[in-house]
């Protein structure tokens, strides 16, 4: 089935410098775009969106189908769009969304219930300050220290201590600008991904640089949680820095960074060629700049497609090709590629408690990975790395969870 997901339509641009804007997001149905209101009449009540929704699948209140049906029901009943969104969907359901895009991807008539939910979050967060309180720590971190982990920008390069990782000050005209990302720079587990990728780049002799202490959060979590004000500030600052650097190409170690910089920064005047680190690894293998030591046991690996890589940005072959070049025996989960099941961390879920349900999203996905008989779950996203690792630890599983870069780095001929 053809995907309806348009990476550029995940969130509409709001110019926060425009003082005339009085309403942010959707408090009422009339605050939605006309096409979002028309979605309710296009809905054929096939419930495909509900069937693929990770929140609904794990017993949460959210049903994308119910949202569309309720919009039509209320409009038919009163002939008006002057109805509160709270009448159509509960706040609990709104905050259960992981912004995975599965509902949009599967819809046979091109409806986009996820967009409605993100617009409702904008109203709740910016107009009513009605958001899960656990998000406050991430918001404050992004505002004060330019990352949701709230780590000082002065510590942004600590992950690279003892390694040769050039900053843009040291290498002003690199072929590749590596956007490391907040998690690989500051999270102790994800730092191993950054260190592994640095090893790959250095072994291949790539002419690259990082922004170092000048790199800030891309703002993904702020935007998905409805805090357009925080996102606007981070995006504006990052685009100004990037335009000054004028990178030939940007490589990211996080699909959320990739998606935001590639698809959402153009609205801020930032147009860049952006690739995922698994794509660059394949280029290096293909050009003979790196080779693998394939002696020893073949690893039986299943790859978990990050939603923001496989579904939102249609990158599914690169991570698999990279793993196979490292000698992996690949086994697929039933839901893979653009139809992958979410890890549960997207849509700012990383920073808050999961809504009550019958199961946790990451546990449901890990069970699927475990059923393949794989020794290792490979990931290409730091959020997925955290969620799959937590699920493995939670049940005392011996299955390893590693980023593709870690697996490739372990097999590198140096």
Protein backbone atom coordinates (compact mmCIF):
# COMPACT_ATOMS: atom_id res chain seq x y z
CA UNK A 1 0.00 0.00 0.00
CA UNK A 2 1.28 3.47 -0.88
CA UNK A 3 2.21 5.57 2.14
CA UNK A 4 0.33 8.83 2.71
CA UNK A 5 2.91 10.13 5.15
CA UNK A 6 4.41 13.44 4.05
CA UNK A 7 7.45 14.20 6.17
CA UNK A 8 7.02 17.94 5.62
CA UNK A 9 3.45 17.98 6.97
CA UNK A 10 4.16 16.64 10.44
CA UNK A 11 3.72 20.11 11.93
CA UNK A 12 2.78 23.44 10.37
CA UNK A 13 5.10 26.44 10.71
CA UNK A 14 4.16 29.13 13.22
CA UNK A 15 6.05 32.42 13.11
CA UNK A 16 6.35 33.33 16.79
CA UNK A 17 7.67 36.75 15.85
CA UNK A 18 4.16 37.53 14.55
CA UNK A 19 2.55 39.40 17.44
CA UNK A 20 -0.92 39.19 15.86
CA UNK A 21 -1.31 35.45 16.56
CA UNK A 22 -3.76 35.01 19.42
CA UNK A 23 -4.40 31.26 19.34
CA UNK A 24 -1.68 28.60 19.22
CA UNK A 25 -2.86 25.14 18.29
CA UNK A 26 -6.38 23.79 18.31
CA UNK A 27 -8.69 24.49 21.27
CA UNK A 28 -11.77 24.05 19.07
CA UNK A 29 -12.48 22.23 15.83
CA UNK A 30 -12.52 25.57 14.00
CA UNK A 31 -8.82 26.02 14.89
CA UNK A 32 -7.88 23.06 12.68
CA UNK A 33 -7.10 23.52 9.00
CA UNK A 34 -10.04 23.02 6.63
CA UNK A 35 -8.40 19.88 5.27
CA UNK A 36 -8.20 18.45 8.79
CA UNK A 37 -11.93 19.05 9.27
CA UNK A 38 -12.64 17.45 5.89
CA UNK A 39 -10.65 14.38 7.01
CA UNK A 40 -13.64 13.46 9.16
CA UNK A 41 -15.86 13.19 6.07
CA UNK A 42 -13.23 11.23 4.15
CA UNK A 43 -13.02 8.64 6.95
CA UNK A 44 -14.57 5.33 5.88
CA UNK A 45 -14.45 3.88 9.40
CA UNK A 46 -12.20 1.00 8.38
CA UNK A 47 -10.32 1.33 11.70
CA UNK A 48 -6.98 0.54 10.09
CA UNK A 49 -5.44 3.51 11.93
CA UNK A 50 -6.65 2.14 15.25
CA UNK A 51 -5.28 -1.32 14.44
CA UNK A 52 -1.72 -0.01 13.91
CA UNK A 53 -1.66 2.61 16.69
CA UNK A 54 0.91 1.60 19.34
CA UNK A 55 -1.05 3.38 22.07
CA UNK A 56 -4.31 1.62 21.20
CA UNK A 57 -2.46 -1.69 20.78
CA UNK A 58 -1.24 -1.47 24.37
CA UNK A 59 -4.58 -0.61 25.94
CA UNK A 60 -4.36 3.19 26.03
CA UNK A 61 -7.43 5.39 25.50
CA UNK A 62 -6.23 6.75 22.16
CA UNK A 63 -8.09 5.77 19.00
CA UNK A 64 -7.24 7.83 15.89
CA UNK A 65 -10.42 6.54 14.25
CA UNK A 66 -12.60 7.72 17.13
CA UNK A 67 -11.17 11.23 16.77
CA UNK A 68 -12.18 11.43 13.09
CA UNK A 69 -15.61 9.90 13.72
CA UNK A 70 -16.27 12.26 16.64
CA UNK A 71 -15.40 15.29 14.50
CA UNK A 72 -17.98 14.26 11.91
CA UNK A 73 -20.59 13.36 14.54
CA UNK A 74 -20.37 16.75 16.25
CA UNK A 75 -20.34 18.68 12.98
CA UNK A 76 -23.39 16.79 11.71
CA UNK A 77 -25.18 17.29 15.02
CA UNK A 78 -24.80 21.06 15.25
CA UNK A 79 -23.53 22.15 11.85
CA UNK A 80 -20.74 24.09 13.49
CA UNK A 81 -17.02 23.74 14.12
CA UNK A 82 -17.32 25.81 17.29
CA UNK A 83 -16.88 22.73 19.47
CA UNK A 84 -14.07 22.17 21.97
CA UNK A 85 -11.52 19.52 20.97
CA UNK A 86 -11.91 18.18 24.52
CA UNK A 87 -15.39 17.06 23.43
CA UNK A 88 -13.81 14.96 20.67
CA UNK A 89 -10.79 13.42 22.40
CA UNK A 90 -9.62 13.27 26.02
CA UNK A 91 -6.38 14.84 27.22
CA UNK A 92 -5.20 11.40 28.33
CA UNK A 93 -5.62 10.11 24.78
CA UNK A 94 -3.86 13.18 23.34
CA UNK A 95 -0.78 12.61 25.50
CA UNK A 96 -0.64 8.88 24.67
CA UNK A 97 0.35 9.57 21.04
CA UNK A 98 3.96 8.73 20.11
CA UNK A 99 3.80 10.68 16.79
CA UNK A 100 4.89 7.45 15.10
CA UNK A 101 2.83 8.26 11.99
CA UNK A 102 1.40 4.76 11.60
CA UNK A 103 -2.18 6.11 11.50
CA UNK A 104 -1.35 8.50 8.65
CA UNK A 105 0.74 5.94 6.78
CA UNK A 106 -2.00 3.28 6.76
CA UNK A 107 -5.05 5.45 5.99
CA UNK A 108 -6.56 4.53 2.58
CA UNK A 109 -8.02 8.03 2.14
CA UNK A 110 -5.05 10.09 3.34
CA UNK A 111 -6.38 11.27 6.72
CA UNK A 112 -3.94 12.71 9.26
CA UNK A 113 -5.27 12.30 12.82
CA UNK A 114 -1.74 12.65 14.20
CA UNK A 115 -1.62 16.25 12.97
CA UNK A 116 -4.80 17.03 14.89
CA UNK A 117 -3.28 15.59 18.06
CA UNK A 118 -0.10 17.65 17.71
CA UNK A 119 -2.20 20.78 17.14
CA UNK A 120 -4.24 19.99 20.27
CA UNK A 121 -0.98 19.63 22.21
CA UNK A 122 0.09 23.09 21.05
CA UNK A 123 -3.05 24.56 22.58
CA UNK A 124 -2.74 22.56 25.79
CA UNK A 125 0.95 23.39 26.28
CA UNK A 126 1.09 27.00 25.11
CA UNK A 127 -2.38 28.35 25.89
CA UNK A 128 -3.41 26.33 28.93
CA UNK A 129 -0.11 25.05 30.42
CA UNK A 130 -1.90 21.71 30.65
CA UNK A 131 0.83 19.18 29.94
CA UNK A 132 2.24 16.21 31.88
CA UNK A 133 4.38 17.69 34.64
CA UNK A 134 7.22 15.24 33.95
CA UNK A 135 7.87 17.20 30.74
CA UNK A 136 8.92 20.27 32.74
CA UNK A 137 12.43 18.92 33.31
CA UNK A 138 12.99 18.41 29.57
CA UNK A 139 11.49 21.83 28.75
CA UNK A 140 13.71 23.58 31.30
CA UNK A 141 16.74 21.68 30.03
CA UNK A 142 16.09 22.78 26.45
CA UNK A 143 15.53 26.39 27.54
CA UNK A 144 18.49 26.69 29.93
CA UNK A 145 21.10 24.27 28.61
CA UNK A 146 19.81 23.65 25.08
CA UNK A 147 19.27 19.92 25.66
CA UNK A 148 16.49 17.93 27.40
CA UNK A 149 19.00 16.07 29.58
CA UNK A 150 19.86 19.46 31.15
CA UNK A 151 23.60 18.81 30.78
CA UNK A 152 25.83 21.88 30.56
CA UNK A 153 26.88 22.88 27.04
CA UNK A 154 30.41 22.97 28.43
CA UNK A 155 30.20 19.17 28.75
CA UNK A 156 28.90 18.64 25.22
CA UNK A 157 32.20 17.12 24.00
CA UNK A 158 32.99 14.97 27.05
CA UNK A 159 31.91 11.87 25.14
CA UNK A 160 34.88 12.37 22.78
CA UNK A 161 37.62 12.61 25.44
CA UNK A 162 40.62 10.54 24.39
CA UNK A 163 39.42 10.43 20.75
CA UNK A 164 40.33 12.54 17.75
CA UNK A 165 37.05 14.31 16.91
CA UNK A 166 37.61 17.64 15.10
CA UNK A 167 35.31 20.57 15.82
CA UNK A 168 34.29 23.10 13.19
CA UNK A 169 36.84 25.55 14.66
CA UNK A 170 39.58 23.00 13.97
CA UNK A 171 38.29 21.97 10.53
CA UNK A 172 36.33 24.85 9.01
CA UNK A 173 35.52 23.24 5.65
CA UNK A 174 34.64 19.59 6.21
CA UNK A 175 33.09 17.34 3.57
CA UNK A 176 30.71 16.08 6.26
CA UNK A 177 29.28 17.96 9.23
CA UNK A 178 28.33 15.41 11.87
CA UNK A 179 25.33 16.51 13.92
CA UNK A 180 26.00 14.35 16.96
CA UNK A 181 22.67 14.98 18.74
CA UNK A 182 21.82 15.45 22.42
CA UNK A 183 21.52 11.78 23.35
CA UNK A 184 24.81 10.58 21.78
CA UNK A 185 26.55 13.62 23.30
CA UNK A 186 25.09 13.49 26.82
CA UNK A 187 23.40 10.13 27.59
CA UNK A 188 25.87 7.56 28.97
CA UNK A 189 24.46 4.65 26.95
CA UNK A 190 24.01 6.58 23.69
CA UNK A 191 27.55 7.98 23.98
CA UNK A 192 28.78 4.53 22.95
CA UNK A 193 27.03 5.06 19.60
CA UNK A 194 28.86 8.36 19.11
CA UNK A 195 32.19 6.79 20.06
CA UNK A 196 31.60 3.88 17.67
CA UNK A 197 30.66 6.19 14.80
CA UNK A 198 33.71 8.39 15.46
CA UNK A 199 35.87 5.26 15.24
CA UNK A 200 34.29 4.41 11.87
CA UNK A 201 34.81 7.93 10.49
CA UNK A 202 38.40 8.07 11.69
CA UNK A 203 39.23 4.61 10.32
CA UNK A 204 37.80 5.64 6.94
CA UNK A 205 39.72 8.92 6.93
CA UNK A 206 36.56 10.98 6.47
CA UNK A 207 37.02 14.75 6.34
CA UNK A 208 34.44 15.70 8.97
CA UNK A 209 33.79 18.06 11.86
CA UNK A 210 31.28 18.48 14.68
CA UNK A 211 29.80 21.68 16.06
CA UNK A 212 30.86 20.72 19.59
CA UNK A 213 29.67 23.24 22.20
CA UNK A 214 27.85 25.19 19.47
CA UNK A 215 25.46 22.29 18.83
CA UNK A 216 22.07 22.56 20.56
CA UNK A 217 19.02 20.31 20.67
CA UNK A 218 17.16 20.25 17.35
CA UNK A 219 13.90 20.86 19.25
CA UNK A 220 12.01 17.72 18.20
CA UNK A 221 10.71 16.85 21.68
CA UNK A 222 9.58 20.43 22.33
CA UNK A 223 7.63 20.59 19.07
CA UNK A 224 5.96 17.17 19.50
CA UNK A 225 4.93 18.20 23.02
CA UNK A 226 3.34 21.39 21.72
CA UNK A 227 5.98 23.85 22.98
CA UNK A 228 6.38 25.66 19.69
CA UNK A 229 8.03 28.57 21.53
CA UNK A 230 10.98 26.43 22.65
CA UNK A 231 11.22 24.77 19.24
CA UNK A 232 11.17 28.17 17.48
CA UNK A 233 14.07 29.43 19.57
CA UNK A 234 16.21 26.31 19.06
CA UNK A 235 15.45 26.01 15.34
CA UNK A 236 16.19 29.70 14.70
CA UNK A 237 19.50 29.48 16.57
CA UNK A 238 20.56 26.24 14.89
CA UNK A 239 19.70 27.46 11.39
CA UNK A 240 21.73 30.63 11.95
CA UNK A 241 24.77 28.57 12.99
CA UNK A 242 24.34 26.03 10.19
CA UNK A 243 23.93 28.69 7.52
CA UNK A 244 27.14 30.30 8.73
CA UNK A 245 28.96 26.95 8.53
CA UNK A 246 27.28 26.16 5.17
CA UNK A 247 27.77 22.38 5.40
CA UNK A 248 28.09 20.37 2.20
CA UNK A 249 26.32 17.46 3.86
CA UNK A 250 25.07 16.73 7.36
CA UNK A 251 25.10 13.27 8.91
CA UNK A 252 23.08 12.54 12.05
CA UNK A 253 23.21 9.70 14.57
CA UNK A 254 19.54 10.24 15.44
CA UNK A 255 16.48 9.99 13.15
CA UNK A 256 14.73 12.77 15.12
CA UNK A 257 17.64 15.11 14.33
CA UNK A 258 17.57 13.96 10.71
CA UNK A 259 13.83 14.53 10.37
CA UNK A 260 13.80 17.95 12.01
CA UNK A 261 16.86 19.39 10.24
CA UNK A 262 15.93 17.94 6.85
CA UNK A 263 12.17 18.49 6.81
CA UNK A 264 11.34 21.22 9.31
CA UNK A 265 14.29 23.63 9.22
CA UNK A 266 13.57 24.71 5.60
CA UNK A 267 10.64 26.73 7.02
CA UNK A 268 13.27 28.65 9.01
CA UNK A 269 15.52 29.26 6.02
CA UNK A 270 17.72 26.20 6.53
CA UNK A 271 18.01 23.89 3.51
CA UNK A 272 20.52 21.09 3.87
CA UNK A 273 21.40 17.69 2.51
CA UNK A 274 20.94 15.40 5.50
CA UNK A 275 21.68 11.68 5.76
CA UNK A 276 21.52 9.06 8.51
CA UNK A 277 24.72 7.54 9.85
CA UNK A 278 23.83 4.10 8.45
CA UNK A 279 23.67 5.64 4.97
CA UNK A 280 27.16 7.07 5.35
CA UNK A 281 28.46 3.74 6.69
CA UNK A 282 27.19 2.09 3.48
CA UNK A 283 28.94 4.70 1.36
CA UNK A 284 32.20 4.01 3.20
CA UNK A 285 31.81 0.24 2.72
CA UNK A 286 30.91 0.67 -0.96
CA UNK A 287 33.91 2.89 -1.66
CA UNK A 288 36.27 0.51 0.12
CA UNK A 289 37.21 3.03 2.81
CA UNK A 290 36.28 0.58 5.55
CA UNK A 291 36.25 -3.21 5.56
CA UNK A 292 35.09 -5.77 8.08
CA UNK A 293 36.66 -8.68 9.84
CA UNK A 294 34.10 -11.39 9.09
CA UNK A 295 35.87 -14.25 10.85
CA UNK A 296 34.11 -15.87 13.77
CA UNK A 297 30.46 -16.52 14.48
CA UNK A 298 27.81 -14.77 12.47
CA UNK A 299 25.54 -12.64 14.63
CA UNK A 300 21.82 -13.33 14.36
CA UNK A 301 20.34 -9.83 14.33
CA UNK A 302 16.88 -8.33 14.01
CA UNK A 303 16.67 -4.64 13.13
CA UNK A 304 14.08 -2.44 14.81
CA UNK A 305 13.12 0.34 12.39
CA UNK A 306 12.82 3.71 14.16
CA UNK A 307 9.54 5.42 13.19
CA UNK A 308 11.35 8.62 12.26
CA UNK A 309 13.76 6.72 10.00
CA UNK A 310 11.69 4.05 8.29
CA UNK A 311 8.19 5.49 8.25
CA UNK A 312 8.68 9.27 8.32
CA UNK A 313 11.77 9.31 6.07
CA UNK A 314 11.57 6.06 4.08
CA UNK A 315 15.09 4.91 5.02
CA UNK A 316 14.87 1.15 5.54
CA UNK A 317 17.57 -0.51 3.41
CA UNK A 318 20.65 1.39 4.67
CA UNK A 319 20.73 0.00 8.22
CA UNK A 320 20.16 -3.54 6.97
CA UNK A 321 22.86 -3.24 4.32
CA UNK A 322 25.29 -1.93 6.95
CA UNK A 323 24.54 -4.85 9.27
CA UNK A 324 24.95 -7.39 6.47
CA UNK A 325 28.28 -5.86 5.52
CA UNK A 326 29.34 -6.57 9.12
CA UNK A 327 28.45 -10.24 8.64
CA UNK A 328 25.06 -10.24 10.34
CA UNK A 329 22.49 -12.93 9.69
CA UNK A 330 19.30 -10.89 9.43
CA UNK A 331 15.93 -12.04 10.74
CA UNK A 332 12.92 -9.78 10.40
CA UNK A 333 10.17 -9.00 12.87
CA UNK A 334 6.62 -9.33 11.50
CA UNK A 335 6.22 -5.54 11.55
CA UNK A 336 9.24 -3.97 9.88
CA UNK A 337 10.35 -1.25 7.49
CA UNK A 338 7.77 1.50 7.02
CA UNK A 339 5.24 -0.71 8.86
CA UNK A 340 7.41 -1.05 11.97
CA UNK A 341 5.92 -0.92 15.46
CA UNK A 342 6.99 2.01 17.64
CA UNK A 343 9.47 1.75 20.55
CA UNK A 344 7.27 4.10 22.57
CA UNK A 345 9.63 7.09 23.00
CA UNK A 346 8.65 9.40 20.13
CA UNK A 347 6.32 12.36 20.44
CA UNK A 348 8.14 13.49 23.62
CA UNK A 349 7.16 10.24 25.39
CA UNK A 350 10.84 9.85 26.29
CA UNK A 351 10.41 12.49 28.99
CA UNK A 352 7.14 11.45 30.63
CA UNK A 353 5.39 8.47 32.18
CA UNK A 354 3.43 6.29 29.79
CA UNK A 355 -0.35 6.45 30.08
CA UNK A 356 -2.06 3.52 31.78
CA UNK A 357 -2.81 0.56 29.57
CA UNK A 358 -2.55 -3.20 29.28
CA UNK A 359 1.18 -3.14 28.42
CA UNK A 360 4.08 -0.79 27.77
CA UNK A 361 4.84 -0.05 24.12
CA UNK A 362 8.55 -0.92 24.42
CA UNK A 363 7.75 -4.25 26.07
CA UNK A 364 5.31 -5.13 23.28
CA UNK A 365 7.97 -4.35 20.68
CA UNK A 366 10.73 -6.21 22.52
CA UNK A 367 8.51 -9.30 22.72
CA UNK A 368 8.24 -9.15 18.94
CA UNK A 369 12.03 -8.88 18.63
CA UNK A 370 12.53 -11.78 21.03
CA UNK A 371 10.17 -14.00 19.00
CA UNK A 372 12.59 -13.88 16.04
CA UNK A 373 15.23 -15.84 17.96
CA UNK A 374 17.82 -13.11 17.36
CA UNK A 375 20.85 -12.71 19.64
CA UNK A 376 20.91 -8.95 19.13
CA UNK A 377 18.36 -6.22 18.51
CA UNK A 378 19.97 -3.58 16.31
CA UNK A 379 18.67 -0.01 16.38
CA UNK A 380 19.43 3.23 14.56
CA UNK A 381 18.06 5.72 17.09
CA UNK A 382 19.14 6.68 20.63
CA UNK A 383 15.52 6.73 21.87
CA UNK A 384 14.95 3.21 20.52
CA UNK A 385 18.26 2.20 22.13
CA UNK A 386 17.00 3.32 25.54
CA UNK A 387 13.55 1.77 25.18
CA UNK A 388 14.71 -1.60 23.88
CA UNK A 389 17.49 -1.76 26.50
CA UNK A 390 15.01 -1.00 29.27
CA UNK A 391 12.65 -3.71 28.01
CA UNK A 392 15.49 -6.25 27.86
CA UNK A 393 16.62 -5.40 31.38
CA UNK A 394 13.04 -5.47 32.64
CA UNK A 395 12.68 -9.14 31.86
CA UNK A 396 16.29 -10.12 32.47
CA UNK A 397 16.85 -11.04 28.83
CA UNK A 398 20.30 -11.89 27.52
CA UNK A 399 19.48 -10.39 24.13
CA UNK A 400 21.83 -7.49 23.43
CA UNK A 401 20.62 -4.13 22.16
CA UNK A 402 23.12 -2.16 20.05
CA UNK A 403 23.20 0.65 17.55
CA UNK A 404 24.21 -0.30 14.01
CA UNK A 405 27.37 1.82 14.41
CA UNK A 406 28.43 -0.20 17.47
CA UNK A 407 28.05 -3.49 15.58
CA UNK A 408 29.99 -2.19 12.57
CA UNK A 409 32.74 -0.67 14.77
CA UNK A 410 33.25 -4.03 16.55
CA UNK A 411 33.93 -5.72 13.19
CA UNK A 412 36.13 -2.98 11.68
CA UNK A 413 39.50 -3.89 10.26
CA UNK A 414 41.79 -1.17 11.60
